[in-house]
C-alpha atoms as a PDB file:
ATOM      1  CA  UNK A   1      -0.330   0.128   0.183  1.00  0.00           C
ATOM      2  CA  UNK A   2       0.834   3.800  -0.374  1.00  0.00           C
ATOM      3  CA  UNK A   3      -0.678   7.060  -1.035  1.00  0.00           C
ATOM      4  CA  UNK A   4      -0.573   6.455  -4.052  1.00  0.00           C
ATOM      5  CA  UNK A   5      -1.914   2.776  -3.875  1.00  0.00           C
ATOM      6  CA  UNK A   6      -2.305   1.344  -7.058  1.00  0.00           C
ATOM      7  CA  UNK A   7      -5.339  -1.217  -6.513  1.00  0.00           C
ATOM      8  CA  UNK A   8      -7.273   1.538  -5.263  1.00  0.00           C
ATOM      9  CA  UNK A   9      -7.189   3.971  -8.049  1.00  0.00           C
ATOM     10  CA  UNK A  10      -7.482   0.759 -10.557  1.00  0.00           C
ATOM     11  CA  UNK A  11     -10.699  -0.061  -8.989  1.00  0.00           C
ATOM     12  CA  UNK A  12     -11.998   3.655  -8.833  1.00  0.00           C
ATOM     13  CA  UNK A  13     -10.914   4.050 -12.856  1.00  0.00           C
ATOM     14  CA  UNK A  14     -11.998   0.707 -14.746  1.00  0.00           C
ATOM     15  CA  UNK A  15     -15.354  -0.998 -14.410  1.00  0.00           C
ATOM     16  CA  UNK A  16     -16.052  -4.156 -12.714  1.00  0.00           C
ATOM     17  CA  UNK A  17     -13.971  -7.075 -13.631  1.00  0.00           C
ATOM     18  CA  UNK A  18     -14.662 -10.288 -13.063  1.00  0.00           C
ATOM     19  CA  UNK A  19     -12.113 -12.045 -10.913  1.00  0.00           C
ATOM     20  CA  UNK A  20     -11.890 -15.727 -10.967  1.00  0.00           C
ATOM     21  CA  UNK A  21     -11.372 -16.652  -7.238  1.00  0.00           C
ATOM     22  CA  UNK A  22      -8.913 -18.898  -5.822  1.00  0.00           C
ATOM     23  CA  UNK A  23      -9.181 -21.203  -2.752  1.00  0.00           C
ATOM     24  CA  UNK A  24      -6.480 -21.265  -0.392  1.00  0.00           C
ATOM     25  CA  UNK A  25      -3.658 -24.207  -0.713  1.00  0.00           C
ATOM     26  CA  UNK A  26      -1.017 -25.243   1.508  1.00  0.00           C
ATOM     27  CA  UNK A  27       1.827 -27.305   0.357  1.00  0.00           C
ATOM     28  CA  UNK A  28       5.202 -28.679   1.968  1.00  0.00           C
ATOM     29  CA  UNK A  29       8.553 -26.856   0.498  1.00  0.00           C
ATOM     30  CA  UNK A  30      10.848 -28.804   2.814  1.00  0.00           C
ATOM     31  CA  UNK A  31      10.236 -31.043   6.009  1.00  0.00           C
ATOM     32  CA  UNK A  32       9.129 -28.627   8.678  1.00  0.00           C
ATOM     33  CA  UNK A  33       8.568 -25.618   5.737  1.00  0.00           C
ATOM     34  CA  UNK A  34       4.931 -25.415   4.119  1.00  0.00           C
ATOM     35  CA  UNK A  35       3.658 -22.759   1.575  1.00  0.00           C
ATOM     36  CA  UNK A  36       0.043 -21.071   2.380  1.00  0.00           C
ATOM     37  CA  UNK A  37      -0.747 -20.021  -0.939  1.00  0.00           C
ATOM     38  CA  UNK A  38      -4.133 -17.245  -0.170  1.00  0.00           C
ATOM     39  CA  UNK A  39      -5.883 -15.416  -2.449  1.00  0.00           C
ATOM     40  CA  UNK A  40      -6.099 -11.894  -3.396  1.00  0.00           C
ATOM     41  CA  UNK A  41      -9.039  -9.805  -4.720  1.00  0.00           C
ATOM     42  CA  UNK A  42      -6.595  -7.603  -7.067  1.00  0.00           C
ATOM     43  CA  UNK A  43      -6.666  -8.277 -10.936  1.00  0.00           C
ATOM     44  CA  UNK A  44      -2.955  -9.171 -12.121  1.00  0.00           C
ATOM     45  CA  UNK A  45      -2.096 -10.384  -8.143  1.00  0.00           C
ATOM     46  CA  UNK A  46      -4.552 -13.061  -7.810  1.00  0.00           C
ATOM     47  CA  UNK A  47      -2.639 -14.448  -4.237  1.00  0.00           C
ATOM     48  CA  UNK A  48       0.168 -14.097  -1.650  1.00  0.00           C
ATOM     49  CA  UNK A  49       2.514 -16.369   0.186  1.00  0.00           C
ATOM     50  CA  UNK A  50       2.631 -16.931   4.209  1.00  0.00           C
ATOM     51  CA  UNK A  51       4.945 -19.247   5.148  1.00  0.00           C
ATOM     52  CA  UNK A  52       4.725 -21.861   8.256  1.00  0.00           C
ATOM     53  CA  UNK A  53       7.715 -23.293   9.706  1.00  0.00           C
ATOM     54  CA  UNK A  54       7.315 -25.711  12.519  1.00  0.00           C
ATOM     55  CA  UNK A  55       8.037 -24.897  16.153  1.00  0.00           C
ATOM     56  CA  UNK A  56       7.975 -27.365  18.777  1.00  0.00           C
ATOM     57  CA  UNK A  57       4.127 -28.456  18.903  1.00  0.00           C
ATOM     58  CA  UNK A  58       3.005 -25.659  16.464  1.00  0.00           C
ATOM     59  CA  UNK A  59       4.589 -23.503  14.029  1.00  0.00           C
ATOM     60  CA  UNK A  60       5.751 -19.822  13.351  1.00  0.00           C
ATOM     61  CA  UNK A  61       3.758 -17.834  10.561  1.00  0.00           C
ATOM     62  CA  UNK A  62       5.346 -15.375   8.235  1.00  0.00           C
ATOM     63  CA  UNK A  63       2.988 -12.997   6.792  1.00  0.00           C
ATOM     64  CA  UNK A  64      -0.769 -13.837   7.287  1.00  0.00           C
ATOM     65  CA  UNK A  65      -2.532 -12.541   4.208  1.00  0.00           C
ATOM     66  CA  UNK A  66      -5.278  -9.835   3.356  1.00  0.00           C
ATOM     67  CA  UNK A  67      -8.047  -9.829   5.897  1.00  0.00           C
ATOM     68  CA  UNK A  68     -11.583 -10.364   3.465  1.00  0.00           C
ATOM     69  CA  UNK A  69     -14.586 -11.699   4.588  1.00  0.00           C
ATOM     70  CA  UNK A  70     -13.756 -15.356   3.288  1.00  0.00           C
ATOM     71  CA  UNK A  71      -9.944 -14.880   4.451  1.00  0.00           C
ATOM     72  CA  UNK A  72      -9.852 -16.763   7.401  1.00  0.00           C
ATOM     73  CA  UNK A  73     -11.581 -19.839   6.141  1.00  0.00           C
ATOM     74  CA  UNK A  74      -8.779 -19.793   3.019  1.00  0.00           C
ATOM     75  CA  UNK A  75      -6.070 -19.684   5.172  1.00  0.00           C
ATOM     76  CA  UNK A  76      -7.552 -22.416   7.785  1.00  0.00           C
ATOM     77  CA  UNK A  77      -7.877 -24.613   4.574  1.00  0.00           C
ATOM     78  CA  UNK A  78      -4.145 -23.987   3.578  1.00  0.00           C
ATOM     79  CA  UNK A  79      -2.990 -25.017   6.887  1.00  0.00           C
ATOM     80  CA  UNK A  80      -5.167 -28.144   7.038  1.00  0.00           C
ATOM     81  CA  UNK A  81      -3.559 -29.240   3.638  1.00  0.00           C
ATOM     82  CA  UNK A  82      -0.710 -29.273   5.710  1.00  0.00           C
ATOM     83  CA  UNK A  83      -1.729 -30.643   8.716  1.00  0.00           C
ATOM     84  CA  UNK A  84      -1.894 -27.717  10.714  1.00  0.00           C
ATOM     85  CA  UNK A  85      -4.661 -25.384  12.697  1.00  0.00           C
ATOM     86  CA  UNK A  86      -4.492 -22.018  13.169  1.00  0.00           C
ATOM     87  CA  UNK A  87      -4.494 -22.382  17.236  1.00  0.00           C
ATOM     88  CA  UNK A  88      -1.292 -23.812  16.963  1.00  0.00           C
ATOM     89  CA  UNK A  89       0.598 -20.937  16.141  1.00  0.00           C
ATOM     90  CA  UNK A  90       2.812 -19.582  18.286  1.00  0.00           C
ATOM     91  CA  UNK A  91       4.488 -16.553  16.270  1.00  0.00           C
ATOM     92  CA  UNK A  92       3.553 -14.435  13.880  1.00  0.00           C
ATOM     93  CA  UNK A  93       6.115 -12.295  12.103  1.00  0.00           C
ATOM     94  CA  UNK A  94       5.224  -9.704   9.504  1.00  0.00           C
ATOM     95  CA  UNK A  95       7.650  -8.858   6.404  1.00  0.00           C
ATOM     96  CA  UNK A  96       5.967  -5.513   6.132  1.00  0.00           C
ATOM     97  CA  UNK A  97       2.921  -3.548   6.942  1.00  0.00           C
ATOM     98  CA  UNK A  98       1.284  -3.982   3.693  1.00  0.00           C
ATOM     99  CA  UNK A  99      -2.454  -5.264   3.683  1.00  0.00           C
ATOM    100  CA  UNK A 100      -1.642  -8.802   2.154  1.00  0.00           C
ATOM    101  CA  UNK A 101       0.927  -9.152   4.155  1.00  0.00           C
ATOM    102  CA  UNK A 102       0.041  -8.461   7.392  1.00  0.00           C
ATOM    103  CA  UNK A 103      -4.198  -8.054   7.421  1.00  0.00           C
ATOM    104  CA  UNK A 104      -4.886 -11.106   9.268  1.00  0.00           C
ATOM    105  CA  UNK A 105      -2.367 -11.023  11.976  1.00  0.00           C
ATOM    106  CA  UNK A 106      -5.000  -9.126  14.569  1.00  0.00           C
ATOM    107  CA  UNK A 107      -7.332 -12.598  14.025  1.00  0.00           C
ATOM    108  CA  UNK A 108      -4.735 -14.970  14.365  1.00  0.00           C
ATOM    109  CA  UNK A 109      -3.265 -13.356  17.791  1.00  0.00           C
ATOM    110  CA  UNK A 110      -6.679 -13.660  18.849  1.00  0.00           C
ATOM    111  CA  UNK A 111      -7.285 -16.992  18.132  1.00  0.00           C
ATOM    112  CA  UNK A 112      -4.132 -18.403  18.966  1.00  0.00           C
ATOM    113  CA  UNK A 113      -2.857 -16.168  21.641  1.00  0.00           C
ATOM    114  CA  UNK A 114       0.515 -15.531  20.161  1.00  0.00           C
ATOM    115  CA  UNK A 115       2.252 -12.142  19.339  1.00  0.00           C
ATOM    116  CA  UNK A 116       2.540 -10.057  16.295  1.00  0.00           C
ATOM    117  CA  UNK A 117       6.300  -8.906  15.185  1.00  0.00           C
ATOM    118  CA  UNK A 118       6.692  -6.333  12.809  1.00  0.00           C
ATOM    119  CA  UNK A 119       9.106  -3.350  11.947  1.00  0.00           C
ATOM    120  CA  UNK A 120       7.825  -0.185  13.657  1.00  0.00           C
ATOM    121  CA  UNK A 121       8.137   2.046  10.482  1.00  0.00           C
ATOM    122  CA  UNK A 122       4.429   1.316   9.556  1.00  0.00           C
ATOM    123  CA  UNK A 123       3.134   5.023   9.635  1.00  0.00           C
ATOM    124  CA  UNK A 124       0.955   3.863   6.460  1.00  0.00           C
ATOM    125  CA  UNK A 125      -1.184   1.428   7.960  1.00  0.00           C
ATOM    126  CA  UNK A 126      -1.470   3.194  10.783  1.00  0.00           C
ATOM    127  CA  UNK A 127      -2.924   6.076   9.378  1.00  0.00           C
ATOM    128  CA  UNK A 128      -5.168   3.659   7.058  1.00  0.00           C
ATOM    129  CA  UNK A 129      -6.724   2.397  10.200  1.00  0.00           C
ATOM    130  CA  UNK A 130      -7.019   5.656  12.173  1.00  0.00           C
ATOM    131  CA  UNK A 131      -8.253   8.166   9.261  1.00  0.00           C
ATOM    132  CA  UNK A 132      -8.614   6.346   5.807  1.00  0.00           C
ATOM    133  CA  UNK A 133     -10.103   9.837   4.894  1.00  0.00           C
ATOM    134  CA  UNK A 134      -7.059  11.549   5.463  1.00  0.00           C
ATOM    135  CA  UNK A 135      -4.987   9.306   3.429  1.00  0.00           C
ATOM    136  CA  UNK A 136      -7.613   9.127   0.233  1.00  0.00           C
ATOM    137  CA  UNK A 137      -7.348  12.973   0.603  1.00  0.00           C
ATOM    138  CA  UNK A 138      -3.467  12.883   0.601  1.00  0.00           C
ATOM    139  CA  UNK A 139      -3.196  10.232  -2.568  1.00  0.00           C
ATOM    140  CA  UNK A 140      -5.868  12.886  -4.605  1.00  0.00           C
ATOM    141  CA  UNK A 141      -3.595  15.532  -3.708  1.00  0.00           C
ATOM    142  CA  UNK A 142      -0.434  13.996  -4.383  1.00  0.00           C
ATOM    143  CA  UNK A 143      -2.079  12.996  -8.015  1.00  0.00           C
ATOM    144  CA  UNK A 144      -3.160  16.083  -8.871  1.00  0.00           C
ATOM    145  CA  UNK A 145       0.346  17.894  -8.002  1.00  0.00           C
ATOM    146  CA  UNK A 146       1.788  15.067 -10.409  1.00  0.00           C
ATOM    147  CA  UNK A 147      -0.370  16.344 -13.390  1.00  0.00           C
ATOM    148  CA  UNK A 148      -2.779  13.748 -13.299  1.00  0.00           C
ATOM    149  CA  UNK A 149      -6.296  15.444 -15.137  1.00  0.00           C
ATOM    150  CA  UNK A 150      -9.451  16.215 -12.812  1.00  0.00           C
ATOM    151  CA  UNK A 151     -11.270  13.825 -14.803  1.00  0.00           C
ATOM    152  CA  UNK A 152     -10.053  10.479 -13.559  1.00  0.00           C
ATOM    153  CA  UNK A 153      -9.640  11.968 -10.250  1.00  0.00           C
ATOM    154  CA  UNK A 154     -13.393  13.074 -10.072  1.00  0.00           C
ATOM    155  CA  UNK A 155     -14.560   9.139 -11.239  1.00  0.00           C
ATOM    156  CA  UNK A 156     -11.632   8.116  -8.856  1.00  0.00           C
ATOM    157  CA  UNK A 157     -13.360   9.534  -5.927  1.00  0.00           C
ATOM    158  CA  UNK A 158     -17.067   8.917  -6.849  1.00  0.00           C
ATOM    159  CA  UNK A 159     -16.042   5.590  -7.424  1.00  0.00           C
ATOM    160  CA  UNK A 160     -14.703   5.247  -3.811  1.00  0.00           C
ATOM    161  CA  UNK A 161     -17.943   6.487  -2.121  1.00  0.00           C
ATOM    162  CA  UNK A 162     -19.924   3.875  -3.832  1.00  0.00           C
ATOM    163  CA  UNK A 163     -17.429   0.884  -3.452  1.00  0.00           C
ATOM    164  CA  UNK A 164     -16.790   1.389   0.467  1.00  0.00           C
ATOM    165  CA  UNK A 165     -13.626  -0.909   0.431  1.00  0.00           C
ATOM    166  CA  UNK A 166     -12.628  -2.828   3.065  1.00  0.00           C
ATOM    167  CA  UNK A 167      -9.140  -2.043   4.549  1.00  0.00           C
ATOM    168  CA  UNK A 168      -7.965  -5.300   4.448  1.00  0.00           C
ATOM    169  CA  UNK A 169      -6.887  -5.842   7.833  1.00  0.00           C
ATOM    170  CA  UNK A 170      -8.840  -7.082  10.484  1.00  0.00           C
ATOM    171  CA  UNK A 171      -8.667  -4.024  12.906  1.00  0.00           C
ATOM    172  CA  UNK A 172      -6.198  -1.935  14.530  1.00  0.00           C
ATOM    173  CA  UNK A 173      -3.202  -3.415  15.827  1.00  0.00           C
ATOM    174  CA  UNK A 174      -0.151  -2.650  17.167  1.00  0.00           C
ATOM    175  CA  UNK A 175       2.865  -5.098  17.148  1.00  0.00           C
ATOM    176  CA  UNK A 176       4.185  -7.153  20.282  1.00  0.00           C
ATOM    177  CA  UNK A 177       7.800  -6.753  19.601  1.00  0.00           C
ATOM    178  CA  UNK A 178       9.507  -4.376  16.851  1.00  0.00           C
ATOM    179  CA  UNK A 179      11.055  -6.524  14.095  1.00  0.00           C
ATOM    180  CA  UNK A 180      14.080  -5.055  13.805  1.00  0.00           C
ATOM    181  CA  UNK A 181      18.011  -5.974  12.731  1.00  0.00           C
ATOM    182  CA  UNK A 182      19.559  -8.620  14.123  1.00  0.00           C
ATOM    183  CA  UNK A 183      16.367  -9.992  15.899  1.00  0.00           C
ATOM    184  CA  UNK A 184      16.069 -13.911  15.652  1.00  0.00           C
ATOM    185  CA  UNK A 185      13.393 -15.959  15.103  1.00  0.00           C
ATOM    186  CA  UNK A 186      13.055 -19.677  16.556  1.00  0.00           C
ATOM    187  CA  UNK A 187      11.687 -22.511  14.552  1.00  0.00           C
ATOM    188  CA  UNK A 188      12.524 -26.484  14.226  1.00  0.00           C
ATOM    189  CA  UNK A 189      14.443 -25.174  11.275  1.00  0.00           C
ATOM    190  CA  UNK A 190      17.137 -23.228  12.866  1.00  0.00           C
ATOM    191  CA  UNK A 191      16.768 -19.518  13.755  1.00  0.00           C
ATOM    192  CA  UNK A 192      15.943 -16.627  11.231  1.00  0.00           C
ATOM    193  CA  UNK A 193      17.808 -13.479  11.403  1.00  0.00           C
ATOM    194  CA  UNK A 194      16.157 -10.217  10.583  1.00  0.00           C
ATOM    195  CA  UNK A 195      17.631  -8.022   8.176  1.00  0.00           C
ATOM    196  CA  UNK A 196      15.968  -4.579   7.414  1.00  0.00           C
ATOM    197  CA  UNK A 197      15.360  -4.619   3.622  1.00  0.00           C
ATOM    198  CA  UNK A 198      13.563  -1.200   3.345  1.00  0.00           C
ATOM    199  CA  UNK A 199      12.350   0.382  -0.328  1.00  0.00           C
ATOM    200  CA  UNK A 200       9.515  -1.833  -1.343  1.00  0.00           C
ATOM    201  CA  UNK A 201       8.144  -0.324   2.017  1.00  0.00           C
ATOM    202  CA  UNK A 202      10.006   1.431   5.043  1.00  0.00           C
ATOM    203  CA  UNK A 203       8.788  -1.528   6.903  1.00  0.00           C
ATOM    204  CA  UNK A 204      10.204  -4.288   5.317  1.00  0.00           C
ATOM    205  CA  UNK A 205      12.414  -7.161   6.683  1.00  0.00           C
ATOM    206  CA  UNK A 206      13.738  -9.872   5.286  1.00  0.00           C
ATOM    207  CA  UNK A 207      14.270 -13.060   7.535  1.00  0.00           C
ATOM    208  CA  UNK A 208      17.136 -15.297   6.630  1.00  0.00           C
ATOM    209  CA  UNK A 209      17.887 -18.946   7.902  1.00  0.00           C
ATOM    210  CA  UNK A 210      22.290 -19.277   7.490  1.00  0.00           C
ATOM    211  CA  UNK A 211      22.621 -23.126   7.835  1.00  0.00           C
ATOM    212  CA  UNK A 212      20.205 -23.857   5.242  1.00  0.00           C
ATOM    213  CA  UNK A 213      20.445 -20.610   3.404  1.00  0.00           C
ATOM    214  CA  UNK A 214      16.840 -20.215   2.770  1.00  0.00           C
ATOM    215  CA  UNK A 215      15.420 -16.312   2.689  1.00  0.00           C
ATOM    216  CA  UNK A 216      12.192 -15.224   3.209  1.00  0.00           C
ATOM    217  CA  UNK A 217      12.026 -12.418   1.080  1.00  0.00           C
ATOM    218  CA  UNK A 218       8.857 -10.485   1.361  1.00  0.00           C
ATOM    219  CA  UNK A 219       8.176  -7.923  -1.628  1.00  0.00           C
ATOM    220  CA  UNK A 220      11.507  -7.145  -1.887  1.00  0.00           C
ATOM    221  CA  UNK A 221      12.466 -10.319  -4.159  1.00  0.00           C
ATOM    222  CA  UNK A 222       9.937 -11.931  -6.423  1.00  0.00           C
ATOM    223  CA  UNK A 223       9.939 -14.497  -8.876  1.00  0.00           C
ATOM    224  CA  UNK A 224       8.746 -12.540 -11.943  1.00  0.00           C
ATOM    225  CA  UNK A 225      11.199  -9.480 -11.268  1.00  0.00           C
ATOM    226  CA  UNK A 226       8.908  -6.287 -10.795  1.00  0.00           C
ATOM    227  CA  UNK A 227       9.154  -3.227  -8.710  1.00  0.00           C
ATOM    228  CA  UNK A 228       7.065  -1.211  -6.220  1.00  0.00           C
ATOM    229  CA  UNK A 229       7.695   1.560  -3.843  1.00  0.00           C
ATOM    230  CA  UNK A 230       5.893   2.931  -0.853  1.00  0.00           C
ATOM    231  CA  UNK A 231       6.221   6.279  -2.145  1.00  0.00           C
ATOM    232  CA  UNK A 232       5.704   9.393   0.636  1.00  0.00           C
ATOM    233  CA  UNK A 233       7.019   7.829   3.848  1.00  0.00           C
ATOM    234  CA  UNK A 234      10.994   7.637   3.599  1.00  0.00           C
ATOM    235  CA  UNK A 235      13.216  10.013   1.695  1.00  0.00           C
ATOM    236  CA  UNK A 236      14.386   8.023  -1.116  1.00  0.00           C
ATOM    237  CA  UNK A 237      12.912   4.589  -1.641  1.00  0.00           C
ATOM    238  CA  UNK A 238      14.591   3.315  -4.456  1.00  0.00           C
ATOM    239  CA  UNK A 239      18.216   4.530  -2.648  1.00  0.00           C
ATOM    240  CA  UNK A 240      16.861   2.315  -0.096  1.00  0.00           C
ATOM    241  CA  UNK A 241      15.939  -0.570  -2.498  1.00  0.00           C
ATOM    242  CA  UNK A 242      19.397  -0.750  -4.153  1.00  0.00           C
ATOM    243  CA  UNK A 243      20.886  -0.795  -0.566  1.00  0.00           C
ATOM    244  CA  UNK A 244      18.870  -3.524   0.864  1.00  0.00           C
ATOM    245  CA  UNK A 245      19.602  -5.542  -2.510  1.00  0.00           C
ATOM    246  CA  UNK A 246      23.009  -5.458  -1.480  1.00  0.00           C
ATOM    247  CA  UNK A 247      22.586  -6.536   1.662  1.00  0.00           C
ATOM    248  CA  UNK A 248      20.310 -10.046   0.617  1.00  0.00           C
ATOM    249  CA  UNK A 249      23.315 -10.130  -1.716  1.00  0.00           C
ATOM    250  CA  UNK A 250      25.878 -10.662   1.289  1.00  0.00           C
ATOM    251  CA  UNK A 251      23.777 -13.172   2.544  1.00  0.00           C
ATOM    252  CA  UNK A 252      24.472 -16.235  -0.305  1.00  0.00           C
ATOM    253  CA  UNK A 253      20.969 -17.437   0.175  1.00  0.00           C
ATOM    254  CA  UNK A 254      20.162 -20.461  -2.495  1.00  0.00           C
ATOM    255  CA  UNK A 255      16.233 -20.741  -2.135  1.00  0.00           C
ATOM    256  CA  UNK A 256      13.832 -17.848  -1.649  1.00  0.00           C
ATOM    257  CA  UNK A 257      10.304 -18.003  -0.329  1.00  0.00           C
ATOM    258  CA  UNK A 258       8.651 -15.000  -1.773  1.00  0.00           C
ATOM    259  CA  UNK A 259       5.560 -12.680  -0.894  1.00  0.00           C
ATOM    260  CA  UNK A 260       4.180 -13.766  -4.249  1.00  0.00           C
ATOM    261  CA  UNK A 261       4.829 -16.406  -6.815  1.00  0.00           C
ATOM    262  CA  UNK A 262       6.921 -20.037  -6.210  1.00  0.00           C
ATOM    263  CA  UNK A 263      10.090 -20.431  -4.466  1.00  0.00           C
ATOM    264  CA  UNK A 264      13.418 -19.638  -6.503  1.00  0.00           C
ATOM    265  CA  UNK A 265      17.025 -21.070  -6.643  1.00  0.00           C
ATOM    266  CA  UNK A 266      18.992 -18.245  -8.691  1.00  0.00           C
ATOM    267  CA  UNK A 267      18.729 -15.866  -5.730  1.00  0.00           C
ATOM    268  CA  UNK A 268      21.642 -14.016  -7.319  1.00  0.00           C
ATOM    269  CA  UNK A 269      20.300 -13.432 -10.837  1.00  0.00           C
ATOM    270  CA  UNK A 270      17.489 -12.069  -9.295  1.00  0.00           C
ATOM    271  CA  UNK A 271      19.075  -9.897  -7.454  1.00  0.00           C
ATOM    272  CA  UNK A 272      21.083  -8.658 -10.394  1.00  0.00           C
ATOM    273  CA  UNK A 273      17.703  -8.356 -12.757  1.00  0.00           C
ATOM    274  CA  UNK A 274      16.267  -5.915 -10.061  1.00  0.00           C
ATOM    275  CA  UNK A 275      19.561  -3.929 -10.246  1.00  0.00           C
ATOM    276  CA  UNK A 276      19.113  -3.322 -14.146  1.00  0.00           C
ATOM    277  CA  UNK A 277      15.455  -3.134 -14.260  1.00  0.00           C
ATOM    278  CA  UNK A 278      15.857  -0.096 -11.837  1.00  0.00           C
ATOM    279  CA  UNK A 279      18.439   1.331 -13.680  1.00  0.00           C
ATOM    280  CA  UNK A 280      17.085   1.182 -17.248  1.00  0.00           C
ATOM    281  CA  UNK A 281      13.917   3.037 -15.409  1.00  0.00           C
ATOM    282  CA  UNK A 282      16.252   5.804 -13.937  1.00  0.00           C
ATOM    283  CA  UNK A 283      18.230   6.285 -17.199  1.00  0.00           C
ATOM    284  CA  UNK A 284      14.924   6.672 -19.058  1.00  0.00           C
ATOM    285  CA  UNK A 285      13.751   9.238 -16.236  1.00  0.00           C
ATOM    286  CA  UNK A 286      16.832  11.352 -16.921  1.00  0.00           C
ATOM    287  CA  UNK A 287      17.178  10.833 -21.064  1.00  0.00           C
ATOM    288  CA  UNK A 288      13.312  11.914 -21.063  1.00  0.00           C
ATOM    289  CA  UNK A 289      14.108  15.193 -18.727  1.00  0.00           C
ATOM    290  CA  UNK A 290      16.927  16.649 -20.810  1.00  0.00           C
ATOM    291  CA  UNK A 291      15.808  20.105 -22.225  1.00  0.00           C
ATOM    292  CA  UNK A 292      12.327  19.547 -21.052  1.00  0.00           C
ATOM    293  CA  UNK A 293      10.145  20.263 -17.960  1.00  0.00           C
ATOM    294  CA  UNK A 294       7.609  17.432 -17.092  1.00  0.00           C
ATOM    295  CA  UNK A 295       5.126  16.192 -14.626  1.00  0.00           C
ATOM    296  CA  UNK A 296       5.281  12.523 -13.404  1.00  0.00           C
ATOM    297  CA  UNK A 297       2.029  11.975 -14.964  1.00  0.00           C
ATOM    298  CA  UNK A 298       3.897  13.141 -18.251  1.00  0.00           C
ATOM    299  CA  UNK A 299       7.014  11.390 -17.615  1.00  0.00           C
ATOM    300  CA  UNK A 300       5.188   7.479 -17.027  1.00  0.00           C
ATOM    301  CA  UNK A 301       5.009   6.909 -20.835  1.00  0.00           C
ATOM    302  CA  UNK A 302       8.569   7.965 -21.583  1.00  0.00           C
ATOM    303  CA  UNK A 303       9.670   5.678 -18.989  1.00  0.00           C
ATOM    304  CA  UNK A 304       7.869   2.359 -19.462  1.00  0.00           C
ATOM    305  CA  UNK A 305       6.896   2.568 -22.864  1.00  0.00           C
ATOM    306  CA  UNK A 306       3.309   2.430 -22.585  1.00  0.00           C
ATOM    307  CA  UNK A 307       0.168   5.017 -21.972  1.00  0.00           C
ATOM    308  CA  UNK A 308      -1.054   5.156 -18.452  1.00  0.00           C
ATOM    309  CA  UNK A 309      -4.622   3.328 -18.376  1.00  0.00           C
ATOM    310  CA  UNK A 310      -6.986   2.635 -15.590  1.00  0.00           C
ATOM    311  CA  UNK A 311      -5.102  -0.754 -15.365  1.00  0.00           C
ATOM    312  CA  UNK A 312      -1.699   0.466 -14.480  1.00  0.00           C
ATOM    313  CA  UNK A 313      -2.048   4.200 -13.528  1.00  0.00           C
ATOM    314  CA  UNK A 314      -1.279   4.068  -9.852  1.00  0.00           C
ATOM    315  CA  UNK A 315       1.214   1.616  -9.694  1.00  0.00           C
ATOM    316  CA  UNK A 316       3.425   3.462 -12.370  1.00  0.00           C
ATOM    317  CA  UNK A 317       2.540   6.879 -11.178  1.00  0.00           C
ATOM    318  CA  UNK A 318       4.188   6.116  -7.828  1.00  0.00           C
ATOM    319  CA  UNK A 319       7.110   4.645  -9.077  1.00  0.00           C
ATOM    320  CA  UNK A 320       7.805   7.588 -11.226  1.00  0.00           C
ATOM    321  CA  UNK A 321       7.731   9.718  -8.223  1.00  0.00           C
ATOM    322  CA  UNK A 322       9.823   7.440  -6.512  1.00  0.00           C
ATOM    323  CA  UNK A 323      12.577   7.478  -9.670  1.00  0.00           C
ATOM    324  CA  UNK A 324      12.344  11.354  -9.370  1.00  0.00           C
ATOM    325  CA  UNK A 325      13.048  11.810  -5.759  1.00  0.00           C
ATOM    326  CA  UNK A 326      16.063   9.765  -6.672  1.00  0.00           C
ATOM    327  CA  UNK A 327      17.534  11.515  -9.336  1.00  0.00           C
ATOM    328  CA  UNK A 328      16.747  14.724  -7.223  1.00  0.00           C
ATOM    329  CA  UNK A 329      18.584  13.027  -3.919  1.00  0.00           C
ATOM    330  CA  UNK A 330      21.573  12.120  -6.338  1.00  0.00           C
ATOM    331  CA  UNK A 331      21.480  15.777  -7.669  1.00  0.00           C
ATOM    332  CA  UNK A 332      20.783  14.655 -11.561  1.00  0.00           C
ATOM    333  CA  UNK A 333      17.049  15.879 -11.134  1.00  0.00           C
ATOM    334  CA  UNK A 334      14.958  19.083  -9.605  1.00  0.00           C
ATOM    335  CA  UNK A 335      11.850  20.192  -9.194  1.00  0.00           C
ATOM    336  CA  UNK A 336       9.905  22.754 -11.027  1.00  0.00           C
ATOM    337  CA  UNK A 337       7.843  24.669  -8.168  1.00  0.00           C
ATOM    338  CA  UNK A 338       4.064  25.331  -8.944  1.00  0.00           C
ATOM    339  CA  UNK A 339       0.559  24.344  -8.574  1.00  0.00           C
ATOM    340  CA  UNK A 340       1.156  21.496 -10.583  1.00  0.00           C
ATOM    341  CA  UNK A 341       5.019  19.809 -10.071  1.00  0.00           C
ATOM    342  CA  UNK A 342       7.218  19.626 -12.508  1.00  0.00           C
ATOM    343  CA  UNK A 343      10.613  18.211 -13.423  1.00  0.00           C
ATOM    344  CA  UNK A 344      13.972  18.470 -14.882  1.00  0.00           C
ATOM    345  CA  UNK A 345      17.365  17.155 -14.999  1.00  0.00           C
END
């Protein structure tokens, strides 16, 4: 999630889309390690992963899936396929404060009586739960200042009023412990060490099991290389992401357990692929700004090669703003003041 939440704007701009809903599914990856594939309501992102790792007579749950009317049933179905019950959860560890990774945490804590650990930099999630209208108005204003025309913004606002979207979290909650650099999580597979990896979100943490060289990567590394940055809650999310890639590269993981999609073993290739894709977008943005003053809205097709559409608008606009902020931080671009913000090299 972000002030420019791609899924929210898409739902506000497109007509109703029929989505084939999946069922929660569970499968064993290794002895004592289970993948829980949980449905999501978003076009193009049909599911997310939670990971159950054996610990004593129960398990540690890494990530939870999104809270929806039927979400708990899907989680329990996936657990049952692995011979587990929700009440056996001894700890919930959230890789970051996005709803598809922590949305069911309050319910699981209530049912199982376990703690929730998450990084403390979860300002956006807290604000969404405390004052969703203020967050929505901020999204509109950032989009307006970025050059988005009035008509799609008006449709976005009208559609939001009609749909009354769920926040995707079971309720307000505070973590029982802050999950920060160097903390360890015990399991039957050994201890998992927390590494702070901001970029995708300020709250992002990866967990590494050094003896088995297993990496729970959340959304920092995915099987299909793609980028998203939570814009507006840290000074330079792109710079943070690049530094976080360096952190993970030094670990030498041999199997990655991502937040979406299947496990993969070519971890180093994925790290390099993310570096290349980030640099390509930065180079494209800088080339487009030379000799021009452009809004972020005008820059999107020049960076990504496609015109903005209802399906991609918010995702790509948030990325573009993050790229511009990084170019500004590195002295390669500057803002041109005005009611609608423009940028130049």
